[in-house]
C-alpha atoms as a PDB file:
ATOM      1  CA  UNK A   1      71.596 161.845 131.255  1.00  0.00           C
ATOM      2  CA  UNK A   2      68.430 160.011 130.257  1.00  0.00           C
ATOM      3  CA  UNK A   3      65.175 161.794 129.454  1.00  0.00           C
ATOM      4  CA  UNK A   4      61.518 160.845 129.938  1.00  0.00           C
ATOM      5  CA  UNK A   5      58.996 162.021 127.350  1.00  0.00           C
ATOM      6  CA  UNK A   6      55.715 162.672 129.179  1.00  0.00           C
ATOM      7  CA  UNK A   7      52.475 162.686 127.190  1.00  0.00           C
ATOM      8  CA  UNK A   8      49.817 164.282 129.384  1.00  0.00           C
ATOM      9  CA  UNK A   9      52.417 166.140 131.427  1.00  0.00           C
ATOM     10  CA  UNK A  10      50.110 168.649 133.103  1.00  0.00           C
ATOM     11  CA  UNK A  11      47.511 166.139 134.241  1.00  0.00           C
ATOM     12  CA  UNK A  12      47.140 164.628 137.699  1.00  0.00           C
ATOM     13  CA  UNK A  13      49.281 161.595 136.862  1.00  0.00           C
ATOM     14  CA  UNK A  14      51.638 163.576 134.645  1.00  0.00           C
ATOM     15  CA  UNK A  15      52.896 165.779 137.467  1.00  0.00           C
ATOM     16  CA  UNK A  16      53.583 162.648 139.513  1.00  0.00           C
ATOM     17  CA  UNK A  17      55.507 161.103 136.626  1.00  0.00           C
ATOM     18  CA  UNK A  18      57.628 164.232 136.240  1.00  0.00           C
ATOM     19  CA  UNK A  19      58.520 164.201 139.919  1.00  0.00           C
ATOM     20  CA  UNK A  20      59.419 160.525 139.677  1.00  0.00           C
ATOM     21  CA  UNK A  21      61.608 161.085 136.633  1.00  0.00           C
ATOM     22  CA  UNK A  22      63.430 164.009 138.238  1.00  0.00           C
ATOM     23  CA  UNK A  23      63.853 162.133 141.519  1.00  0.00           C
ATOM     24  CA  UNK A  24      65.457 159.265 139.595  1.00  0.00           C
ATOM     25  CA  UNK A  25      68.093 161.583 138.148  1.00  0.00           C
ATOM     26  CA  UNK A  26      66.540 161.926 134.700  1.00  0.00           C
ATOM     27  CA  UNK A  27      65.448 164.912 132.687  1.00  0.00           C
ATOM     28  CA  UNK A  28      61.947 165.430 131.323  1.00  0.00           C
ATOM     29  CA  UNK A  29      60.627 166.363 127.894  1.00  0.00           C
ATOM     30  CA  UNK A  30      57.097 167.528 128.705  1.00  0.00           C
ATOM     31  CA  UNK A  31      54.469 167.927 126.006  1.00  0.00           C
ATOM     32  CA  UNK A  32      52.123 170.787 126.900  1.00  0.00           C
ATOM     33  CA  UNK A  33      49.222 172.524 125.195  1.00  0.00           C
ATOM     34  CA  UNK A  34      50.519 176.042 125.733  1.00  0.00           C
ATOM     35  CA  UNK A  35      52.939 178.224 127.630  1.00  0.00           C
ATOM     36  CA  UNK A  36      50.223 178.728 130.238  1.00  0.00           C
ATOM     37  CA  UNK A  37      50.169 174.964 130.803  1.00  0.00           C
ATOM     38  CA  UNK A  38      53.942 174.943 131.162  1.00  0.00           C
ATOM     39  CA  UNK A  39      53.788 177.774 133.679  1.00  0.00           C
ATOM     40  CA  UNK A  40      51.160 175.892 135.690  1.00  0.00           C
ATOM     41  CA  UNK A  41      53.398 172.840 135.788  1.00  0.00           C
ATOM     42  CA  UNK A  42      56.434 174.827 136.917  1.00  0.00           C
ATOM     43  CA  UNK A  43      54.421 176.391 139.733  1.00  0.00           C
ATOM     44  CA  UNK A  44      53.405 172.949 140.926  1.00  0.00           C
ATOM     45  CA  UNK A  45      56.818 171.295 140.577  1.00  0.00           C
ATOM     46  CA  UNK A  46      58.559 174.340 142.012  1.00  0.00           C
ATOM     47  CA  UNK A  47      61.224 174.662 139.335  1.00  0.00           C
ATOM     48  CA  UNK A  48      61.764 174.225 135.595  1.00  0.00           C
ATOM     49  CA  UNK A  49      65.203 172.700 136.162  1.00  0.00           C
ATOM     50  CA  UNK A  50      65.597 169.481 134.214  1.00  0.00           C
ATOM     51  CA  UNK A  51      62.401 170.031 132.198  1.00  0.00           C
ATOM     52  CA  UNK A  52      62.201 170.901 128.498  1.00  0.00           C
ATOM     53  CA  UNK A  53      58.761 171.979 127.303  1.00  0.00           C
ATOM     54  CA  UNK A  54      57.369 171.472 123.827  1.00  0.00           C
ATOM     55  CA  UNK A  55      53.926 172.500 122.651  1.00  0.00           C
ATOM     56  CA  UNK A  56      51.906 169.928 120.735  1.00  0.00           C
ATOM     57  CA  UNK A  57      48.385 168.582 120.428  1.00  0.00           C
ATOM     58  CA  UNK A  58      48.657 165.010 121.689  1.00  0.00           C
ATOM     59  CA  UNK A  59      45.081 164.299 120.582  1.00  0.00           C
ATOM     60  CA  UNK A  60      46.030 164.857 116.941  1.00  0.00           C
ATOM     61  CA  UNK A  61      47.360 161.882 115.018  1.00  0.00           C
ATOM     62  CA  UNK A  62      50.554 163.739 114.128  1.00  0.00           C
ATOM     63  CA  UNK A  63      51.026 165.724 117.358  1.00  0.00           C
ATOM     64  CA  UNK A  64      53.569 163.473 119.077  1.00  0.00           C
ATOM     65  CA  UNK A  65      55.042 162.531 115.696  1.00  0.00           C
ATOM     66  CA  UNK A  66      55.999 166.169 115.183  1.00  0.00           C
ATOM     67  CA  UNK A  67      57.787 166.087 118.541  1.00  0.00           C
ATOM     68  CA  UNK A  68      59.694 162.932 117.587  1.00  0.00           C
ATOM     69  CA  UNK A  69      60.663 164.501 114.258  1.00  0.00           C
ATOM     70  CA  UNK A  70      62.145 167.454 116.148  1.00  0.00           C
ATOM     71  CA  UNK A  71      64.061 165.070 118.397  1.00  0.00           C
ATOM     72  CA  UNK A  72      65.492 163.282 115.365  1.00  0.00           C
ATOM     73  CA  UNK A  73      66.460 166.657 113.896  1.00  0.00           C
ATOM     74  CA  UNK A  74      68.325 167.582 117.075  1.00  0.00           C
ATOM     75  CA  UNK A  75      65.926 170.397 117.946  1.00  0.00           C
ATOM     76  CA  UNK A  76      64.813 168.672 121.157  1.00  0.00           C
ATOM     77  CA  UNK A  77      66.664 166.365 123.565  1.00  0.00           C
ATOM     78  CA  UNK A  78      66.735 162.647 122.845  1.00  0.00           C
ATOM     79  CA  UNK A  79      64.526 160.515 125.079  1.00  0.00           C
ATOM     80  CA  UNK A  80      64.810 156.944 126.350  1.00  0.00           C
ATOM     81  CA  UNK A  81      61.509 156.602 128.198  1.00  0.00           C
ATOM     82  CA  UNK A  82      57.877 157.438 127.451  1.00  0.00           C
ATOM     83  CA  UNK A  83      54.939 157.767 129.829  1.00  0.00           C
ATOM     84  CA  UNK A  84      51.420 158.275 128.475  1.00  0.00           C
ATOM     85  CA  UNK A  85      48.719 159.477 130.873  1.00  0.00           C
ATOM     86  CA  UNK A  86      46.322 161.709 128.978  1.00  0.00           C
ATOM     87  CA  UNK A  87      43.041 161.917 130.880  1.00  0.00           C
ATOM     88  CA  UNK A  88      39.403 162.311 129.926  1.00  0.00           C
ATOM     89  CA  UNK A  89      36.176 162.976 131.771  1.00  0.00           C
ATOM     90  CA  UNK A  90      35.416 161.062 134.965  1.00  0.00           C
ATOM     91  CA  UNK A  91      31.641 161.264 134.857  1.00  0.00           C
ATOM     92  CA  UNK A  92      28.659 159.045 135.653  1.00  0.00           C
ATOM     93  CA  UNK A  93      26.583 159.768 132.542  1.00  0.00           C
ATOM     94  CA  UNK A  94      24.475 156.734 131.658  1.00  0.00           C
ATOM     95  CA  UNK A  95      25.290 154.925 128.416  1.00  0.00           C
ATOM     96  CA  UNK A  96      22.125 155.989 126.517  1.00  0.00           C
ATOM     97  CA  UNK A  97      22.791 159.608 127.466  1.00  0.00           C
ATOM     98  CA  UNK A  98      26.368 159.765 126.133  1.00  0.00           C
ATOM     99  CA  UNK A  99      26.358 161.800 122.945  1.00  0.00           C
ATOM    100  CA  UNK A 100      28.364 160.715 119.945  1.00  0.00           C
ATOM    101  CA  UNK A 101      30.436 163.886 120.226  1.00  0.00           C
ATOM    102  CA  UNK A 102      31.270 163.172 123.864  1.00  0.00           C
ATOM    103  CA  UNK A 103      32.120 159.544 123.112  1.00  0.00           C
ATOM    104  CA  UNK A 104      34.464 160.522 120.291  1.00  0.00           C
ATOM    105  CA  UNK A 105      36.107 163.246 122.382  1.00  0.00           C
ATOM    106  CA  UNK A 106      36.866 160.909 125.272  1.00  0.00           C
ATOM    107  CA  UNK A 107      37.999 158.005 123.096  1.00  0.00           C
ATOM    108  CA  UNK A 108      40.311 160.468 121.388  1.00  0.00           C
ATOM    109  CA  UNK A 109      41.788 161.793 124.631  1.00  0.00           C
ATOM    110  CA  UNK A 110      42.057 158.606 126.665  1.00  0.00           C
ATOM    111  CA  UNK A 111      42.643 155.946 124.023  1.00  0.00           C
ATOM    112  CA  UNK A 112      43.736 157.458 120.726  1.00  0.00           C
ATOM    113  CA  UNK A 113      46.247 159.822 122.357  1.00  0.00           C
ATOM    114  CA  UNK A 114      48.054 156.826 123.871  1.00  0.00           C
ATOM    115  CA  UNK A 115      47.966 154.962 120.570  1.00  0.00           C
ATOM    116  CA  UNK A 116      49.207 157.981 118.614  1.00  0.00           C
ATOM    117  CA  UNK A 117      52.044 158.432 121.121  1.00  0.00           C
ATOM    118  CA  UNK A 118      53.035 154.773 120.869  1.00  0.00           C
ATOM    119  CA  UNK A 119      52.919 154.755 117.082  1.00  0.00           C
ATOM    120  CA  UNK A 120      55.109 157.858 116.945  1.00  0.00           C
ATOM    121  CA  UNK A 121      57.680 156.950 119.596  1.00  0.00           C
ATOM    122  CA  UNK A 122      58.177 153.197 119.449  1.00  0.00           C
ATOM    123  CA  UNK A 123      60.093 153.146 116.112  1.00  0.00           C
ATOM    124  CA  UNK A 124      62.434 155.758 117.554  1.00  0.00           C
ATOM    125  CA  UNK A 125      63.026 153.810 120.782  1.00  0.00           C
ATOM    126  CA  UNK A 126      63.526 150.521 118.939  1.00  0.00           C
ATOM    127  CA  UNK A 127      66.168 152.159 116.747  1.00  0.00           C
ATOM    128  CA  UNK A 128      68.234 153.140 119.780  1.00  0.00           C
ATOM    129  CA  UNK A 129      70.962 150.893 121.223  1.00  0.00           C
ATOM    130  CA  UNK A 130      70.067 151.640 124.843  1.00  0.00           C
ATOM    131  CA  UNK A 131      67.448 150.107 127.118  1.00  0.00           C
ATOM    132  CA  UNK A 132      64.156 151.993 127.150  1.00  0.00           C
ATOM    133  CA  UNK A 133      60.729 151.936 128.791  1.00  0.00           C
ATOM    134  CA  UNK A 134      57.197 152.752 127.681  1.00  0.00           C
ATOM    135  CA  UNK A 135      54.499 153.113 130.337  1.00  0.00           C
ATOM    136  CA  UNK A 136      50.759 153.718 130.069  1.00  0.00           C
ATOM    137  CA  UNK A 137      48.410 154.490 132.937  1.00  0.00           C
ATOM    138  CA  UNK A 138      45.019 152.763 132.851  1.00  0.00           C
ATOM    139  CA  UNK A 139      42.216 152.589 135.386  1.00  0.00           C
ATOM    140  CA  UNK A 140      39.962 150.123 137.133  1.00  0.00           C
ATOM    141  CA  UNK A 141      36.818 151.616 135.596  1.00  0.00           C
ATOM    142  CA  UNK A 142      37.506 149.307 132.664  1.00  0.00           C
ATOM    143  CA  UNK A 143      36.552 146.455 135.005  1.00  0.00           C
ATOM    144  CA  UNK A 144      34.183 148.122 137.468  1.00  0.00           C
ATOM    145  CA  UNK A 145      32.040 150.086 135.033  1.00  0.00           C
ATOM    146  CA  UNK A 146      30.392 152.442 137.530  1.00  0.00           C
ATOM    147  CA  UNK A 147      31.366 155.342 135.240  1.00  0.00           C
ATOM    148  CA  UNK A 148      30.404 154.196 131.755  1.00  0.00           C
ATOM    149  CA  UNK A 149      32.385 156.656 129.662  1.00  0.00           C
ATOM    150  CA  UNK A 150      35.813 156.134 131.288  1.00  0.00           C
ATOM    151  CA  UNK A 151      35.004 152.417 131.558  1.00  0.00           C
ATOM    152  CA  UNK A 152      34.833 152.129 127.771  1.00  0.00           C
ATOM    153  CA  UNK A 153      38.031 154.070 127.182  1.00  0.00           C
ATOM    154  CA  UNK A 154      39.910 152.114 129.845  1.00  0.00           C
ATOM    155  CA  UNK A 155      38.745 148.858 128.295  1.00  0.00           C
ATOM    156  CA  UNK A 156      40.277 149.898 124.990  1.00  0.00           C
ATOM    157  CA  UNK A 157      43.520 150.814 126.760  1.00  0.00           C
ATOM    158  CA  UNK A 158      43.691 147.340 128.341  1.00  0.00           C
ATOM    159  CA  UNK A 159      43.770 145.726 124.891  1.00  0.00           C
ATOM    160  CA  UNK A 160      46.281 148.250 123.596  1.00  0.00           C
ATOM    161  CA  UNK A 161      48.588 147.651 126.572  1.00  0.00           C
ATOM    162  CA  UNK A 162      48.564 143.870 126.125  1.00  0.00           C
ATOM    163  CA  UNK A 163      49.234 144.095 122.395  1.00  0.00           C
ATOM    164  CA  UNK A 164      52.063 146.596 122.900  1.00  0.00           C
ATOM    165  CA  UNK A 165      53.601 144.464 125.646  1.00  0.00           C
ATOM    166  CA  UNK A 166      53.629 141.458 123.307  1.00  0.00           C
ATOM    167  CA  UNK A 167      55.148 143.405 120.436  1.00  0.00           C
ATOM    168  CA  UNK A 168      58.011 144.703 122.587  1.00  0.00           C
ATOM    169  CA  UNK A 169      58.591 141.612 124.730  1.00  0.00           C
ATOM    170  CA  UNK A 170      61.869 140.655 123.042  1.00  0.00           C
ATOM    171  CA  UNK A 171      63.140 144.168 122.350  1.00  0.00           C
ATOM    172  CA  UNK A 172      65.128 146.836 124.175  1.00  0.00           C
ATOM    173  CA  UNK A 173      61.855 148.449 125.333  1.00  0.00           C
ATOM    174  CA  UNK A 174      60.176 147.456 128.595  1.00  0.00           C
ATOM    175  CA  UNK A 175      56.471 148.136 128.122  1.00  0.00           C
ATOM    176  CA  UNK A 176      54.316 148.279 131.259  1.00  0.00           C
ATOM    177  CA  UNK A 177      50.798 149.245 132.283  1.00  0.00           C
ATOM    178  CA  UNK A 178      49.973 150.969 135.569  1.00  0.00           C
ATOM    179  CA  UNK A 179      46.483 149.869 136.662  1.00  0.00           C
ATOM    180  CA  UNK A 180      45.182 152.562 138.997  1.00  0.00           C
ATOM    181  CA  UNK A 181      42.087 151.851 141.090  1.00  0.00           C
ATOM    182  CA  UNK A 182      41.620 155.146 142.952  1.00  0.00           C
ATOM    183  CA  UNK A 183      41.694 158.877 142.343  1.00  0.00           C
ATOM    184  CA  UNK A 184      45.007 160.747 142.242  1.00  0.00           C
ATOM    185  CA  UNK A 185      44.815 164.535 141.951  1.00  0.00           C
ATOM    186  CA  UNK A 186      47.001 167.626 142.243  1.00  0.00           C
ATOM    187  CA  UNK A 187      47.980 167.943 145.900  1.00  0.00           C
ATOM    188  CA  UNK A 188      45.816 170.926 146.782  1.00  0.00           C
ATOM    189  CA  UNK A 189      42.753 169.471 145.062  1.00  0.00           C
ATOM    190  CA  UNK A 190      43.405 166.044 146.570  1.00  0.00           C
ATOM    191  CA  UNK A 191      43.467 167.452 150.081  1.00  0.00           C
ATOM    192  CA  UNK A 192      40.196 169.275 149.472  1.00  0.00           C
ATOM    193  CA  UNK A 193      38.517 166.152 148.077  1.00  0.00           C
ATOM    194  CA  UNK A 194      40.082 163.641 150.446  1.00  0.00           C
ATOM    195  CA  UNK A 195      41.836 161.542 147.785  1.00  0.00           C
ATOM    196  CA  UNK A 196      45.454 160.582 147.091  1.00  0.00           C
ATOM    197  CA  UNK A 197      47.919 163.374 146.321  1.00  0.00           C
ATOM    198  CA  UNK A 198      49.949 163.292 143.111  1.00  0.00           C
ATOM    199  CA  UNK A 199      53.143 163.730 145.138  1.00  0.00           C
ATOM    200  CA  UNK A 200      52.326 160.547 147.080  1.00  0.00           C
ATOM    201  CA  UNK A 201      51.983 158.568 143.830  1.00  0.00           C
ATOM    202  CA  UNK A 202      55.572 159.286 142.748  1.00  0.00           C
ATOM    203  CA  UNK A 203      57.209 156.009 143.968  1.00  0.00           C
ATOM    204  CA  UNK A 204      55.271 153.919 141.444  1.00  0.00           C
ATOM    205  CA  UNK A 205      57.100 155.352 138.447  1.00  0.00           C
ATOM    206  CA  UNK A 206      60.407 155.442 140.285  1.00  0.00           C
ATOM    207  CA  UNK A 207      60.080 151.683 140.795  1.00  0.00           C
ATOM    208  CA  UNK A 208      59.215 151.017 137.146  1.00  0.00           C
ATOM    209  CA  UNK A 209      62.268 152.939 135.976  1.00  0.00           C
ATOM    210  CA  UNK A 210      64.576 151.248 138.470  1.00  0.00           C
ATOM    211  CA  UNK A 211      63.442 147.622 138.367  1.00  0.00           C
ATOM    212  CA  UNK A 212      64.342 145.821 135.142  1.00  0.00           C
ATOM    213  CA  UNK A 213      62.273 142.790 136.127  1.00  0.00           C
ATOM    214  CA  UNK A 214      59.104 144.857 135.652  1.00  0.00           C
ATOM    215  CA  UNK A 215      58.549 144.111 131.992  1.00  0.00           C
ATOM    216  CA  UNK A 216      55.490 143.344 129.845  1.00  0.00           C
ATOM    217  CA  UNK A 217      53.560 143.643 133.087  1.00  0.00           C
ATOM    218  CA  UNK A 218      50.552 145.168 134.741  1.00  0.00           C
ATOM    219  CA  UNK A 219      51.583 147.098 137.847  1.00  0.00           C
ATOM    220  CA  UNK A 220      48.687 146.887 140.284  1.00  0.00           C
ATOM    221  CA  UNK A 221      47.910 150.032 142.265  1.00  0.00           C
ATOM    222  CA  UNK A 222      44.626 149.026 143.853  1.00  0.00           C
ATOM    223  CA  UNK A 223      45.258 150.441 147.329  1.00  0.00           C
ATOM    224  CA  UNK A 224      47.418 153.203 148.751  1.00  0.00           C
ATOM    225  CA  UNK A 225      49.688 150.513 150.213  1.00  0.00           C
ATOM    226  CA  UNK A 226      50.508 149.381 146.652  1.00  0.00           C
ATOM    227  CA  UNK A 227      52.281 152.670 145.970  1.00  0.00           C
ATOM    228  CA  UNK A 228      55.383 151.563 147.862  1.00  0.00           C
ATOM    229  CA  UNK A 229      54.879 147.789 148.006  1.00  0.00           C
ATOM    230  CA  UNK A 230      54.919 147.427 144.218  1.00  0.00           C
ATOM    231  CA  UNK A 231      52.892 144.480 142.901  1.00  0.00           C
ATOM    232  CA  UNK A 232      53.004 143.402 139.288  1.00  0.00           C
ATOM    233  CA  UNK A 233      52.101 140.435 137.106  1.00  0.00           C
ATOM    234  CA  UNK A 234      53.406 139.606 133.667  1.00  0.00           C
ATOM    235  CA  UNK A 235      50.737 139.848 130.984  1.00  0.00           C
ATOM    236  CA  UNK A 236      51.546 136.524 129.338  1.00  0.00           C
END
């Protein structure tokens, strides 16, 4: 059975990805910060069946690499798919008011974590004989810019996603970007705030896993209708 490695597993998008992976008949290797984070995830999903947890700091340059090393050593299950969705702050702080510390922290969480995960996992996936996927979730703030801090980190992710898609275009790895233009939160929080529930977002990843023609592409999720009527364009 195939396994999806989820980087940012306990976040709003991460729980959706895990549901999508499990629904598609795959197992999950979920990177969490602590046992408390794992317990929170199990409470939300409803069961730990099909999920292997591993603790690591995905914001550290060697955090995901340590996980891959354990996979290679047979200490953790092999994986064929990766989804990166580590989140940062969604705030409206004006550019001149963003401290250097806050800028570095958010660039680390939203951009560097994805890069570190890619750098650690892509050699492993390319060395495997089977088809694989690598997916990163970005956001429309990179274009809209109403929230300066996430706008800058999303802009960096856009460039990363295009470069990664080019590098893997002729390989066994289908690299794709999910461009999300609205808020998706844990179900109970989403209901309270009147935004989209994580459980409703599940079909997007199910489609990416199932449809081989989605490759080196941006998957557009600009409206709720896009969740089921999947739209995508090739990056080049």
